[in-house]
Every structure is written in C-alpha cells, then in structure tokens.
Protein backbone atom coordinates (compact mmCIF):
# COMPACT_ATOMS: atom_id res chain seq x y z
CA MET A 1 -14.49 -1.52 -18.38
CA THR A 2 -14.66 -1.61 -14.54
CA ASN A 3 -16.94 1.62 -14.22
CA ILE A 4 -13.89 3.56 -14.27
CA ASN A 5 -14.62 7.53 -13.01
CA ILE A 6 -12.96 9.68 -15.23
CA LEU A 7 -12.33 13.41 -14.75
CA TYR A 8 -10.91 14.47 -18.04
CA GLU A 9 -9.54 13.09 -21.00
CA ASP A 10 -7.80 14.72 -24.16
CA ASN A 11 -4.94 14.02 -26.57
CA HIS A 12 -2.53 14.33 -24.02
CA LEU A 13 -3.83 13.05 -20.76
CA LEU A 14 -6.00 10.95 -18.93
CA VAL A 15 -7.74 11.92 -15.56
CA VAL A 16 -9.50 9.57 -13.59
CA GLU A 17 -10.57 8.46 -9.86
CA LYS A 18 -8.62 5.34 -8.74
CA PRO A 19 -10.98 2.92 -6.71
CA ILE A 20 -9.70 1.70 -3.45
CA ASN A 21 -8.52 -1.64 -3.48
CA MET A 22 -6.99 -1.10 -6.83
CA LEU A 23 -3.35 -1.65 -8.15
CA SER A 24 -2.01 0.68 -9.72
CA GLN A 25 0.25 -1.20 -12.31
CA ALA A 26 0.19 -4.68 -12.48
CA ASP A 27 2.07 -6.99 -9.85
CA SER A 28 2.77 -10.42 -8.73
CA THR A 29 -0.35 -10.62 -7.65
CA LYS A 30 -1.95 -11.05 -10.87
CA ASP A 31 -5.04 -8.99 -9.74
CA PRO A 32 -6.42 -5.99 -11.87
CA ASP A 33 -4.91 -2.94 -12.33
CA LEU A 34 -5.87 0.58 -12.74
CA LEU A 35 -3.17 0.81 -15.99
CA SER A 36 -4.44 -2.02 -17.75
CA LEU A 37 -8.17 -1.28 -17.45
CA LEU A 38 -7.69 2.01 -19.02
CA LYS A 39 -5.53 0.44 -22.09
CA ASP A 40 -8.45 -1.50 -22.29
CA TYR A 41 -10.86 1.51 -22.25
CA ILE A 42 -8.57 3.56 -25.30
CA LYS A 43 -8.44 0.50 -26.65
CA GLU A 44 -11.66 -0.30 -27.26
CA LYS A 45 -12.95 3.01 -27.39
CA TYR A 46 -10.68 4.43 -30.30
CA HIS A 47 -10.50 1.23 -31.87
CA LYS A 48 -6.60 1.37 -31.37
CA PRO A 49 -5.11 -1.83 -32.80
CA GLY A 50 -2.24 -3.10 -31.15
CA ASN A 51 -0.49 -2.26 -28.10
CA VAL A 52 -1.95 1.01 -26.33
CA TYR A 53 0.00 3.31 -24.90
CA LEU A 54 -0.39 4.57 -21.60
CA GLY A 55 2.18 6.26 -19.31
CA LEU A 56 1.86 5.95 -15.65
CA VAL A 57 3.85 8.93 -13.90
CA HIS A 58 2.70 8.44 -10.00
CA ARG A 59 1.07 5.74 -8.37
CA LEU A 60 -1.04 5.70 -5.29
CA ASP A 61 -1.48 2.57 -2.71
CA ARG A 62 -3.79 -0.39 -3.28
CA MET A 63 -6.05 0.65 -0.64
CA VAL A 64 -5.94 4.31 -1.40
CA GLY A 65 -8.26 5.75 -3.65
CA GLY A 66 -7.88 9.04 -5.25
CA VAL A 67 -7.19 11.47 -8.66
CA MET A 68 -4.77 10.35 -10.65
CA VAL A 69 -3.57 11.47 -13.95
CA PHE A 70 -2.19 9.30 -16.78
CA ALA A 71 -0.46 10.44 -20.11
CA LYS A 72 -1.58 9.27 -23.34
CA THR A 73 1.90 10.28 -24.86
CA SER A 74 5.67 9.74 -23.88
CA LYS A 75 5.84 13.55 -25.03
CA ALA A 76 3.16 14.59 -21.74
CA ALA A 77 4.58 11.61 -19.60
CA ALA A 78 8.07 13.22 -19.69
CA ARG A 79 7.20 16.28 -19.03
CA LEU A 80 4.55 15.70 -16.02
CA SER A 81 7.70 13.50 -14.94
CA LYS A 82 10.07 16.22 -15.36
CA MET A 83 7.10 18.49 -13.23
CA ILE A 84 7.58 15.70 -10.34
CA LYS A 85 10.86 15.61 -10.13
CA GLU A 86 11.29 19.47 -9.81
CA GLY A 87 8.22 19.92 -7.28
CA ASP A 88 5.63 21.35 -9.48
CA PHE A 89 3.22 18.93 -9.21
CA ASN A 90 1.00 19.17 -5.95
CA LYS A 91 -0.77 16.18 -4.46
CA THR A 92 -3.02 17.06 -1.78
CA TYR A 93 -4.43 13.84 0.53
CA ILE A 94 -7.00 14.07 3.22
CA ALA A 95 -6.81 11.35 6.20
CA ILE A 96 -7.45 10.60 9.45
CA CYS A 97 -5.26 9.99 12.20
CA HIS A 98 -5.71 8.80 15.93
CA GLY A 99 -4.54 11.21 18.67
CA LYS A 100 -5.10 14.93 18.93
CA ILE A 101 -2.28 16.17 16.02
CA ASP A 102 -1.03 19.61 16.16
CA LYS A 103 -2.72 22.76 14.15
CA GLU A 104 -0.28 22.29 11.26
CA GLY A 105 2.97 21.43 10.78
CA LYS A 106 6.11 19.73 8.92
CA PHE A 107 7.17 16.54 8.55
CA THR A 108 10.67 15.78 6.93
CA ASP A 109 12.42 12.01 7.54
CA LYS A 110 14.22 9.49 6.06
CA ILE A 111 12.25 6.18 4.81
CA GLU A 112 13.87 3.18 3.28
CA LYS A 113 11.57 1.08 1.89
CA LEU A 114 12.34 -2.90 3.15
CA ASP A 115 12.29 -6.07 1.03
CA ASN A 116 9.33 -7.51 3.00
CA GLY A 117 7.46 -4.56 1.41
CA ASN A 118 7.42 -2.45 4.78
CA SER A 119 8.71 1.17 4.72
CA ILE A 120 10.73 2.53 7.91
CA VAL A 121 11.91 5.47 9.12
CA SER A 122 16.05 5.23 8.87
CA GLU A 123 18.70 7.07 8.31
CA LYS A 124 19.55 4.68 5.38
CA GLY A 125 16.66 5.92 3.24
CA LYS A 126 15.33 8.90 1.01
CA GLU A 127 14.52 12.23 2.00
CA ALA A 128 10.76 12.25 2.71
CA THR A 129 8.29 15.66 3.09
CA LEU A 130 5.08 16.63 3.92
CA THR A 131 3.20 19.42 5.10
CA TYR A 132 -0.14 19.31 6.92
CA GLU A 133 -2.93 21.49 8.55
CA LEU A 134 -5.84 20.06 10.66
CA LEU A 135 -9.21 20.40 9.58
CA GLU A 136 -11.17 18.89 12.55
CA TYR A 137 -10.04 17.10 15.67
CA ASP A 138 -13.37 15.17 16.96
CA LYS A 139 -12.50 14.47 20.86
CA LYS A 140 -15.15 11.73 21.02
CA THR A 141 -13.20 9.48 18.98
CA ASP A 142 -9.85 11.06 19.87
CA THR A 143 -9.48 11.39 16.32
CA SER A 144 -7.66 13.99 14.01
CA VAL A 145 -8.91 14.87 9.89
CA VAL A 146 -5.79 16.21 8.38
CA LYS A 147 -5.01 18.01 4.75
CA ILE A 148 -1.92 16.80 3.69
CA LYS A 149 0.57 18.50 1.39
CA LEU A 150 2.79 15.71 -0.45
CA LEU A 151 6.19 17.39 -1.02
CA THR A 152 8.06 13.72 -2.30
CA GLY A 153 6.57 10.34 -2.91
CA ARG A 154 8.09 7.62 -0.93
CA HIS A 155 6.54 4.46 -0.53
CA HIS A 156 3.94 4.62 2.13
CA GLN A 157 5.34 7.70 3.13
CA ILE A 158 1.97 9.71 4.80
CA ARG A 159 1.19 6.53 6.68
CA VAL A 160 4.98 6.23 7.45
CA GLN A 161 5.46 9.54 9.01
CA PHE A 162 2.08 9.85 11.33
CA SER A 163 2.86 6.36 12.57
CA SER A 164 6.23 6.77 13.62
CA ARG A 165 4.94 10.01 15.53
CA GLY A 166 2.04 8.43 17.46
CA PHE A 167 -0.66 9.01 14.84
CA PRO A 168 -1.67 6.23 12.93
CA LEU A 169 -4.37 6.15 10.30
CA LEU A 170 -7.43 4.92 10.87
CA GLY A 171 -7.47 1.48 8.94
CA ASP A 172 -4.11 0.89 8.86
CA HIS A 173 -3.57 -2.51 9.52
CA ARG A 174 0.21 -2.13 8.08
CA TYR A 175 1.31 0.61 10.57
CA GLY A 176 -1.63 1.26 12.79
CA VAL A 177 -3.24 -0.14 15.32
CA ASP A 178 -6.91 -0.81 13.91
CA ASN A 179 -7.62 -4.59 12.73
CA ASP A 180 -11.03 -3.91 11.68
CA ASN A 181 -12.17 -4.28 7.52
CA LEU A 182 -12.44 -0.68 6.42
CA PRO A 183 -9.96 0.18 4.35
CA VAL A 184 -7.20 2.90 5.58
CA ALA A 185 -8.26 6.71 5.38
CA LEU A 186 -6.50 8.02 3.15
CA TYR A 187 -7.50 9.63 -0.09
CA ALA A 188 -5.69 11.92 -2.72
CA TYR A 189 -8.18 14.22 -3.02
CA LYS A 190 -6.32 17.26 -5.16
CA LEU A 191 -4.56 17.16 -7.78
CA GLU A 192 -2.72 20.51 -9.74
CA PHE A 193 -0.37 20.53 -12.40
CA VAL A 194 -0.13 22.60 -15.81
CA HIS A 195 -1.34 20.79 -18.70
CA PRO A 196 2.22 19.62 -20.58
CA VAL A 197 0.92 20.58 -23.95
CA LYS A 198 -1.55 23.29 -23.54
CA GLN A 199 0.48 25.18 -21.11
CA VAL A 200 -2.68 25.41 -19.09
CA PRO A 201 -3.45 24.70 -15.03
CA MET A 202 -5.30 21.97 -14.52
CA LYS A 203 -6.99 21.33 -10.95
CA PHE A 204 -9.46 17.85 -10.31
CA GLU A 205 -10.52 17.68 -6.76
CA ILE A 206 -12.65 14.80 -5.39
CA ILE A 207 -13.94 14.84 -1.96
CA PRO A 208 -14.18 11.28 0.18
CA LYS A 209 -17.64 10.70 1.65
CA ASN A 210 -19.31 7.45 0.54
CA TYR A 211 -17.16 4.77 2.07
CA GLY A 212 -14.89 3.71 5.27
CA TYR A 213 -14.18 6.10 7.56
CA PHE A 214 -15.17 8.73 5.88
CA LYS A 215 -18.76 8.07 5.79
CA ASN A 216 -19.06 9.42 9.54
CA TYR A 217 -16.94 13.36 8.75
CA ASN A 218 -18.34 15.80 6.71
CA VAL A 219 -14.85 16.54 4.58
CA LYS A 220 -16.62 18.97 2.70
CA LYS A 221 -17.51 21.04 5.08
CA MET A 222 -14.28 21.12 6.78
CA LEU A 223 -12.65 21.78 3.36
C-alpha cells in the first residue's frame, strides 16, 4: 500500500490521514483512490479472501488532505452516517484565504452542483452552513488563517462560500485567483464523533505544516 498514515484502527473503524491530490473513492479517471488502497491494506494485513467491506461515510475533495474515518462493518457505517445526518459528527478545517476576514462568522447559502463539476451559490441549491474563527491575519501578504467548522457537507462548500464573499482560498484554481502549482490551502485537521459501537468519544487531529502554503504559517501556535 502507498504510505498512508493510519491514526486508529479497531474491528469497527479505520481512521487515516488522506494525502493531498488523492481521490477519496474511484472515479472515471481510474487514478489511485484511498478507499481502494485501504481495502487492499485490510485484505493483505488480515489475509482476507474475496471482497473486503469498507464503508465510505464522508469524503474530502481530491486536492484536500486531512483526517477521514472509514467503517469496517455495515453496522458502523450506518451509525456513522446517522451521526452525520443528525449533526453529531464534527469536522473542523484549517484554511488560508485572501483578504482580511472578520474575527468570526457564520455563512449560510444554498449551493448547487453543476453538470460541469463546479458548484455555485444558487436558490436552486441545497442549504450549506459553516462557522469560522479567524486565527491570524497577515498584513504583509493580506491573508487570513481561519478555523472552520463544517455544519453541512455540500460539494466544494468551503471553497465556494469563501470565494463568493471575496475571500478565495490560496491555491484554489477553480474558484480563486492563484495560478501557481501549490495545492489549495484547505485541510481537514480535526474529526470528533462518538464511537459507533463502543460509545466513547473519539477525537483525531493533525495540524497541517509540511506542504504548500501551510509551510509559511505556524498553525500549531495559532491554535
């Protein structure tokens, strides 16, 4: 298996760090995807014959890295999906955007996914909500480092909501202004939920620091 950072594993769950520029699950490109790699890992580690079950309960955009949880049983998958639907599955992101944003805020829009793969703010869309907190503003570069709590999970939600307000994320070639080769400055750094079987609180954190724009910011100190 490609060198995937495994954060936690038991009979019910597999929590990993998704690498940037990797698909969460297979698509028409046939490029390597995290779900398939982890199925191969389980098959090899536990010498499982035939198909391996691994439930994908949430996704990250291809260019976004961070913490993801997979379900190793259908029961765990169903319970995690219920938590997500009921708002009991907490996803927190770190992002760097252009401009000076308010100290804290809440964005609520309707987001529509278009046939071309983009998403837009539109009355035809589904409700999308997030809250954010400004961690640091860099006057020299006119950039803001923000901590974002995602309350819904719409397609490209964070990128669209920030861009639509004039604060595109650094490195966002689709919704932003940058044309460099660095990955979008968005990272799923914290995941919190109750274990679907053991019923104990679970919390996983990885602070972005080793790639792209994050190399220039001491996010750990800000938090």
